[in-house]
Protein backbone atom coordinates (compact mmCIF):
# COMPACT_ATOMS: atom_id res chain seq x y z
CA MET A 1 37.38 -106.81 -23.35
CA GLU A 2 41.06 -106.21 -24.04
CA SER A 3 41.90 -103.76 -26.81
CA ASP A 4 44.59 -104.49 -29.37
CA PRO A 5 47.23 -101.70 -29.21
CA SER A 6 48.34 -102.46 -32.77
CA ARG A 7 44.97 -101.19 -34.01
CA LEU A 8 45.96 -97.72 -32.82
CA VAL A 9 49.16 -97.68 -34.90
CA ARG A 10 48.89 -95.29 -37.82
CA GLY A 11 52.52 -94.44 -38.54
CA PRO A 12 56.15 -94.86 -37.39
CA ALA A 13 55.76 -92.58 -34.36
CA ASP A 14 52.59 -94.42 -33.30
CA GLU A 15 54.36 -97.77 -33.65
CA ALA A 16 57.32 -96.47 -31.63
CA ALA A 17 54.92 -95.15 -28.97
CA ALA A 18 53.21 -98.54 -28.70
CA ILE A 19 56.57 -100.31 -28.37
CA ALA A 20 57.84 -97.74 -25.85
CA ASP A 21 54.64 -98.16 -23.83
CA ARG A 22 55.19 -101.91 -23.63
CA GLY A 23 58.88 -101.44 -22.78
CA LEU A 24 58.07 -98.98 -20.03
CA THR A 25 55.44 -101.34 -18.64
CA ILE A 26 58.09 -104.08 -18.46
CA LEU A 27 60.49 -101.75 -16.63
CA VAL A 28 57.85 -100.50 -14.21
CA GLU A 29 56.83 -104.07 -13.37
CA ALA A 30 60.49 -104.98 -12.73
CA TRP A 31 60.95 -101.89 -10.55
CA GLU A 32 57.78 -102.65 -8.60
CA ARG A 33 58.96 -106.21 -7.92
CA ALA A 34 62.33 -104.86 -6.73
CA VAL A 35 60.76 -102.20 -4.52
CA ASP A 36 58.21 -104.67 -3.08
CA GLN A 37 60.96 -105.53 -0.62
CA LEU A 38 59.93 -102.37 1.22
CA GLY A 39 56.63 -104.09 1.92
CA ALA A 40 54.00 -102.04 3.71
CA ALA A 41 56.68 -99.91 5.35
CA LEU A 42 56.35 -97.22 2.68
CA PRO A 43 53.22 -96.84 0.56
CA THR A 44 53.67 -96.06 -3.14
CA ALA A 45 52.40 -92.48 -2.79
CA GLN A 46 55.04 -91.74 -0.15
CA LEU A 47 57.77 -93.29 -2.26
CA ARG A 48 56.69 -91.23 -5.28
CA ALA A 49 56.78 -88.07 -3.15
CA LEU A 50 60.29 -88.89 -1.90
CA LEU A 51 61.51 -89.43 -5.45
CA VAL A 52 60.05 -86.06 -6.53
CA ILE A 53 61.57 -84.28 -3.52
CA ASP A 54 64.93 -85.93 -4.22
CA ARG A 55 65.02 -84.52 -7.77
CA SER A 56 64.55 -80.95 -6.57
CA ASP A 57 66.77 -78.67 -4.54
CA GLN A 58 63.98 -76.33 -3.39
CA LEU A 59 60.49 -77.78 -3.49
CA ASN A 60 57.39 -76.42 -1.78
CA LEU A 61 54.05 -78.13 -1.16
CA GLY A 62 52.45 -76.58 -4.22
CA ALA A 63 55.18 -77.87 -6.52
CA LEU A 64 55.02 -81.32 -4.92
CA ALA A 65 51.24 -81.44 -5.29
CA SER A 66 51.54 -80.44 -8.93
CA ALA A 67 54.20 -83.08 -9.62
CA LEU A 68 52.07 -85.76 -7.94
CA GLY A 69 48.82 -84.60 -9.55
CA THR A 70 47.10 -84.05 -6.22
CA SER A 71 45.85 -81.20 -4.04
CA VAL A 72 48.08 -79.15 -1.76
CA SER A 73 46.17 -80.43 1.29
CA ALA A 74 46.72 -84.07 0.22
CA ALA A 75 50.42 -83.35 -0.38
CA SER A 76 50.60 -81.74 3.07
CA ARG A 77 49.09 -84.83 4.73
CA LEU A 78 51.52 -87.00 2.78
CA CYS A 79 54.42 -84.85 4.02
CA ASP A 80 53.09 -85.12 7.58
CA ARG A 81 53.55 -88.89 7.34
CA LEU A 82 57.00 -88.55 5.71
CA GLU A 83 58.06 -86.11 8.42
CA LEU A 84 56.78 -88.43 11.16
CA ALA A 85 58.89 -91.23 9.61
CA ASP A 86 61.95 -88.89 9.64
CA LEU A 87 62.24 -89.01 5.83
CA VAL A 88 61.68 -85.30 5.11
CA THR A 89 61.72 -82.02 7.00
CA ARG A 90 59.97 -78.72 6.34
CA GLU A 91 62.13 -75.63 6.54
CA ARG A 92 61.78 -71.97 5.67
CA ALA A 93 62.73 -71.51 2.03
CA GLN A 94 65.86 -69.52 1.30
CA THR A 95 64.00 -67.49 -1.34
CA SER A 96 60.97 -66.50 0.75
CA ARG A 97 60.37 -66.40 4.49
CA ARG A 98 56.68 -67.23 3.96
CA GLU A 99 57.39 -70.32 1.88
CA ILE A 100 58.14 -73.75 3.32
CA ALA A 101 60.69 -75.94 1.52
CA LEU A 102 60.70 -79.72 1.70
CA LYS A 103 64.09 -81.24 2.41
CA MET A 104 65.18 -84.87 2.44
CA THR A 105 66.65 -86.14 5.73
CA ASP A 106 69.65 -88.47 5.80
CA SER A 107 67.24 -91.38 6.37
CA GLY A 108 65.15 -90.27 3.40
CA ARG A 109 68.24 -89.98 1.21
CA ARG A 110 69.42 -93.48 2.20
CA LEU A 111 65.98 -94.89 1.38
CA VAL A 112 65.86 -93.16 -2.01
CA ASN A 113 69.40 -94.37 -2.79
CA TRP A 114 68.42 -97.92 -1.85
CA VAL A 115 65.26 -97.80 -4.00
CA THR A 116 67.22 -96.33 -6.92
CA GLY A 117 69.79 -99.10 -6.55
CA GLN A 118 67.05 -101.75 -6.54
CA ARG A 119 65.49 -100.25 -9.67
CA GLN A 120 68.83 -100.04 -11.44
CA ALA A 121 69.63 -103.66 -10.54
CA ALA A 122 66.26 -104.78 -11.92
CA THR A 123 66.87 -102.77 -15.09
CA SER A 124 70.36 -104.23 -15.46
CA LEU A 125 68.95 -107.76 -15.33
CA LEU A 126 66.60 -106.91 -18.18
CA LEU A 127 69.26 -105.16 -20.23
CA ASP A 128 71.73 -108.02 -19.72
CA SER A 129 69.33 -110.27 -21.62
CA MET A 130 69.49 -108.00 -24.69
CA SER A 131 72.05 -108.21 -27.47
CA PRO A 132 74.80 -105.59 -27.25
CA GLN A 133 73.50 -104.03 -30.48
CA GLY A 134 69.94 -103.85 -29.14
CA ARG A 135 71.15 -102.35 -25.85
CA ASP A 136 73.27 -99.75 -27.69
CA ALA A 137 70.32 -98.82 -29.92
CA LEU A 138 68.06 -98.47 -26.88
CA VAL A 139 70.56 -96.24 -25.05
CA SER A 140 71.07 -94.11 -28.15
CA GLY A 141 67.33 -93.69 -28.64
CA LEU A 142 66.76 -92.82 -24.98
CA ARG A 143 69.54 -90.21 -25.07
CA GLU A 144 67.97 -88.63 -28.13
CA LEU A 145 64.55 -88.69 -26.48
CA ALA A 146 65.93 -87.05 -23.31
CA ALA A 147 67.69 -84.35 -25.34
CA HIS A 148 64.49 -83.61 -27.25
CA GLN A 149 62.49 -83.44 -24.00
CA ARG A 150 65.01 -80.97 -22.53
CA LYS A 151 64.61 -78.76 -25.62
CA LEU A 152 60.83 -78.86 -25.28
CA ALA A 153 61.02 -78.07 -21.56
CA ALA A 154 63.34 -75.11 -22.23
CA GLY A 155 60.73 -73.60 -24.54
CA PRO A 156 61.21 -71.26 -27.47
């Protein structure tokens, strides 16, 4: 039985959340269709790991596992496969000789850049179908949301 999301709306923020959820679902579906060109060559979990590693300068297995919501041992096995595919390397961290840092290889970087390009192209197709006013309002709202998130992440 499918639930009606509008039943959960109690106020303006709830309505915005329901609309944002639908908008994000549309974007994720477009991104997935664009990235499907990778086929079985790179499973979703490996792609997610690469994207997390790409966003960080110094990332260890514990931080990757936390970002992916998995165990350190599962993240290690995932990195084994990424290393075997020459997409990441493990190196001694600059901050601690006992810690291992995950680094993107040139091949990994090219793959992430290609995936990002595919996602941006899919997003552009969707945004091109919007009115200029709607697109401007969306961009403005997303900038405000990102600024608020940065403030929350920075803490008190």
